[in-house]
Protein backbone atom coordinates (compact mmCIF):
# COMPACT_ATOMS: atom_id res chain seq x y z
CA UNK A 1 72.87 100.63 120.83
CA UNK A 2 76.99 100.53 121.55
CA UNK A 3 77.35 100.00 118.02
CA UNK A 4 75.79 102.95 117.02
CA UNK A 5 77.34 105.24 119.91
CA UNK A 6 80.50 104.24 118.80
CA UNK A 7 80.41 105.16 115.17
CA UNK A 8 78.14 108.83 116.25
CA UNK A 9 81.18 109.33 118.79
CA UNK A 10 83.38 111.36 115.89
CA UNK A 11 80.33 112.54 113.66
CA UNK A 12 79.54 115.90 113.53
CA UNK A 13 76.12 117.16 111.61
CA UNK A 14 77.92 118.57 109.54
CA UNK A 15 79.96 115.66 108.35
CA UNK A 16 76.85 113.86 107.71
CA UNK A 17 75.84 113.64 104.05
CA UNK A 18 72.17 112.06 103.35
CA UNK A 19 72.58 112.12 99.46
CA UNK A 20 75.92 110.09 99.93
CA UNK A 21 73.69 106.55 100.09
CA UNK A 22 72.67 107.17 97.05
CA UNK A 23 75.70 108.46 95.29
CA UNK A 24 77.38 105.08 96.42
CA UNK A 25 77.29 101.98 93.41
CA UNK A 26 74.86 98.88 94.62
CA UNK A 27 73.21 101.63 96.19
CA UNK A 28 70.00 100.58 96.02
CA UNK A 29 71.02 97.09 97.39
CA UNK A 30 72.95 98.97 100.11
CA UNK A 31 69.46 99.97 101.57
CA UNK A 32 68.21 97.00 101.97
CA UNK A 33 70.66 96.21 104.50
CA UNK A 34 69.09 94.74 108.36
CA UNK A 35 72.16 94.89 109.91
CA UNK A 36 71.80 91.08 110.67
CA UNK A 37 75.92 90.68 110.61
CA UNK A 38 76.29 87.99 108.31
CA UNK A 39 78.61 89.37 106.50
CA UNK A 40 80.74 90.25 109.51
CA UNK A 41 80.58 87.13 110.53
CA UNK A 42 82.07 85.36 107.83
CA UNK A 43 85.08 88.03 106.64
CA UNK A 44 87.82 86.15 107.24
CA UNK A 45 89.50 90.22 108.15
CA UNK A 46 87.04 90.41 111.08
CA UNK A 47 87.66 87.44 112.50
CA UNK A 48 90.79 89.04 113.86
CA UNK A 49 90.40 92.03 114.13
CA UNK A 50 87.81 94.05 115.78
CA UNK A 51 88.72 97.45 113.82
CA UNK A 52 87.69 95.93 111.00
CA UNK A 53 83.57 95.36 110.35
CA UNK A 54 81.82 94.92 106.57
CA UNK A 55 78.74 95.52 108.59
CA UNK A 56 79.24 98.77 110.19
CA UNK A 57 80.90 99.93 106.83
CA UNK A 58 77.32 99.35 105.42
CA UNK A 59 75.77 101.14 108.33
CA UNK A 60 77.73 104.35 107.76
CA UNK A 61 77.11 104.25 104.40
CA UNK A 62 73.21 104.24 105.04
CA UNK A 63 74.07 107.24 108.11
CA UNK A 64 75.35 109.35 105.37
CA UNK A 65 79.08 109.18 106.79
CA UNK A 66 81.12 110.13 104.35
CA UNK A 67 84.17 111.94 105.85
CA UNK A 68 84.85 109.41 108.50
CA UNK A 69 84.57 106.44 105.84
CA UNK A 70 86.54 107.83 103.48
CA UNK A 71 89.66 108.55 106.28
CA UNK A 72 89.85 105.67 108.11
CA UNK A 73 92.66 103.10 106.35
CA UNK A 74 90.70 99.91 107.60
CA UNK A 75 89.22 99.58 104.01
CA UNK A 76 92.00 99.02 102.83
CA UNK A 77 92.04 95.61 104.65
CA UNK A 78 89.62 93.90 103.01
CA UNK A 79 90.21 90.73 101.18
CA UNK A 80 87.64 90.73 98.33
CA UNK A 81 86.96 86.85 98.98
CA UNK A 82 83.27 87.83 98.58
CA UNK A 83 82.34 86.00 101.71
CA UNK A 84 80.08 88.78 102.76
CA UNK A 85 77.83 89.02 99.13
CA UNK A 86 77.86 85.18 99.04
CA UNK A 87 76.41 85.03 102.54
CA UNK A 88 74.26 87.67 102.58
CA UNK A 89 70.76 87.67 102.75
CA UNK A 90 69.42 90.21 100.98
CA UNK A 91 72.02 90.53 98.61
CA UNK A 92 74.25 93.49 99.57
CA UNK A 93 77.36 93.93 97.81
CA UNK A 94 79.37 94.96 100.45
CA UNK A 95 83.06 93.80 98.81
CA UNK A 96 81.91 96.02 95.85
CA UNK A 97 80.10 99.28 98.58
CA UNK A 98 84.29 98.69 100.16
CA UNK A 99 86.13 98.86 96.71
CA UNK A 100 83.93 101.71 95.81
CA UNK A 101 84.95 103.74 98.67
CA UNK A 102 88.67 103.12 98.06
CA UNK A 103 87.94 104.28 94.65
CA UNK A 104 86.48 107.48 96.13
CA UNK A 105 89.22 107.28 98.75
CA UNK A 106 92.38 107.88 95.89
CA UNK A 107 89.92 110.01 94.31
CA UNK A 108 89.18 112.62 96.35
CA UNK A 109 91.51 111.98 99.53
CA UNK A 110 94.62 111.15 97.44
CA UNK A 111 95.39 108.51 99.41
CA UNK A 112 96.55 104.22 99.00
CA UNK A 113 98.48 101.98 100.16
CA UNK A 114 102.17 101.83 99.48
CA UNK A 115 101.52 98.38 98.26
CA UNK A 116 98.77 99.14 95.79
CA UNK A 117 101.29 101.90 94.07
CA UNK A 118 103.82 99.07 93.67
CA UNK A 119 101.47 97.03 92.37
CA UNK A 120 100.04 99.60 90.09
CA UNK A 121 103.80 101.01 88.73
CA UNK A 122 104.47 97.07 88.38
CA UNK A 123 101.27 96.43 85.87
CA UNK A 124 102.50 99.54 84.00
CA UNK A 125 106.31 97.97 83.40
CA UNK A 126 105.56 94.98 83.16
CA UNK A 127 102.06 93.89 82.38
CA UNK A 128 101.87 91.44 85.78
CA UNK A 129 100.99 92.86 88.83
CA UNK A 130 104.26 91.00 90.32
CA UNK A 131 107.55 90.94 88.98
CA UNK A 132 108.60 87.95 87.67
CA UNK A 133 112.00 87.17 88.60
CA UNK A 134 114.34 86.05 85.32
CA UNK A 135 115.25 82.85 87.52
CA UNK A 136 112.12 82.25 87.55
CA UNK A 137 111.27 82.10 83.43
CA UNK A 138 114.66 80.29 83.19
CA UNK A 139 112.96 77.34 85.39
CA UNK A 140 109.39 77.88 83.31
CA UNK A 141 111.27 77.07 80.23
CA UNK A 142 113.93 73.71 81.70
CA UNK A 143 110.64 72.27 83.23
CA UNK A 144 109.02 72.46 79.57
CA UNK A 145 106.24 75.19 80.68
CA UNK A 146 105.05 77.75 78.08
CA UNK A 147 106.14 81.15 77.88
CA UNK A 148 103.71 83.78 79.93
CA UNK A 149 101.66 85.97 77.50
CA UNK A 150 103.36 88.93 77.17
CA UNK A 151 101.83 91.80 77.32
CA UNK A 152 101.18 94.77 75.50
CA UNK A 153 102.53 97.47 77.47
CA UNK A 154 101.47 100.70 75.36
CA UNK A 155 98.09 99.69 74.79
CA UNK A 156 98.24 99.36 79.25
CA UNK A 157 100.05 102.48 79.48
CA UNK A 158 97.23 103.87 77.34
CA UNK A 159 94.11 102.77 79.61
CA UNK A 160 96.70 104.41 82.47
CA UNK A 161 96.80 107.90 80.71
CA UNK A 162 93.06 107.93 79.33
CA UNK A 163 91.99 107.04 82.75
CA UNK A 164 94.69 109.59 84.48
CA UNK A 165 95.39 106.74 86.77
CA UNK A 166 98.97 107.43 86.06
CA UNK A 167 98.58 110.84 87.47
CA UNK A 168 96.51 109.71 89.93
CA UNK A 169 99.05 107.35 91.70
CA UNK A 170 102.29 109.95 90.86
CA UNK A 171 100.33 112.13 92.86
CA UNK A 172 99.19 110.04 96.01
CA UNK A 173 99.92 109.79 99.41
CA UNK A 174 100.97 106.35 100.51
CA UNK A 175 100.47 104.83 104.06
CA UNK A 176 102.75 101.67 104.61
CA UNK A 177 100.14 100.33 106.63
CA UNK A 178 96.93 100.34 108.65
CA UNK A 179 97.51 101.24 111.77
CA UNK A 180 94.31 100.50 114.90
CA UNK A 181 92.31 102.27 116.46
CA UNK A 182 91.12 100.31 119.36
């Protein structure tokens, strides 16, 4: 019960959205979660942080605490290693739910980590999430490795345009790190 007390201490009735759990991707599977804690026990991030807890995130979605979830930067701590999914006895896809929550946070709150914005802009400029230094490319050639595949930057730009992702990342607020709210 201590966990539920923590979940509710900042929630008011006006912030609870009972339809939210049905709006989420993988909602049917999420309703199968019976809070066994297997997702959190296997999560590499939760081992080092009491702040990030996949089980708590799943429960908050079930309870309809959308505003609280979307305003919590802890969503960005998930490494998407899928250990939570691999270990869940009910097949609840917590990592996918976290990804959906991140997407909603960017869409509705226009906020994301600075590194995510930088990686997206790198993809737009080069086709790669990381800019590959010219020295690395020369070293590959001297070692007889094949050339890296060339990205079609026009297609990437078109994809950013039709999805309005470019507009999103140009207008998004960023934060450098997740502040722990112990």
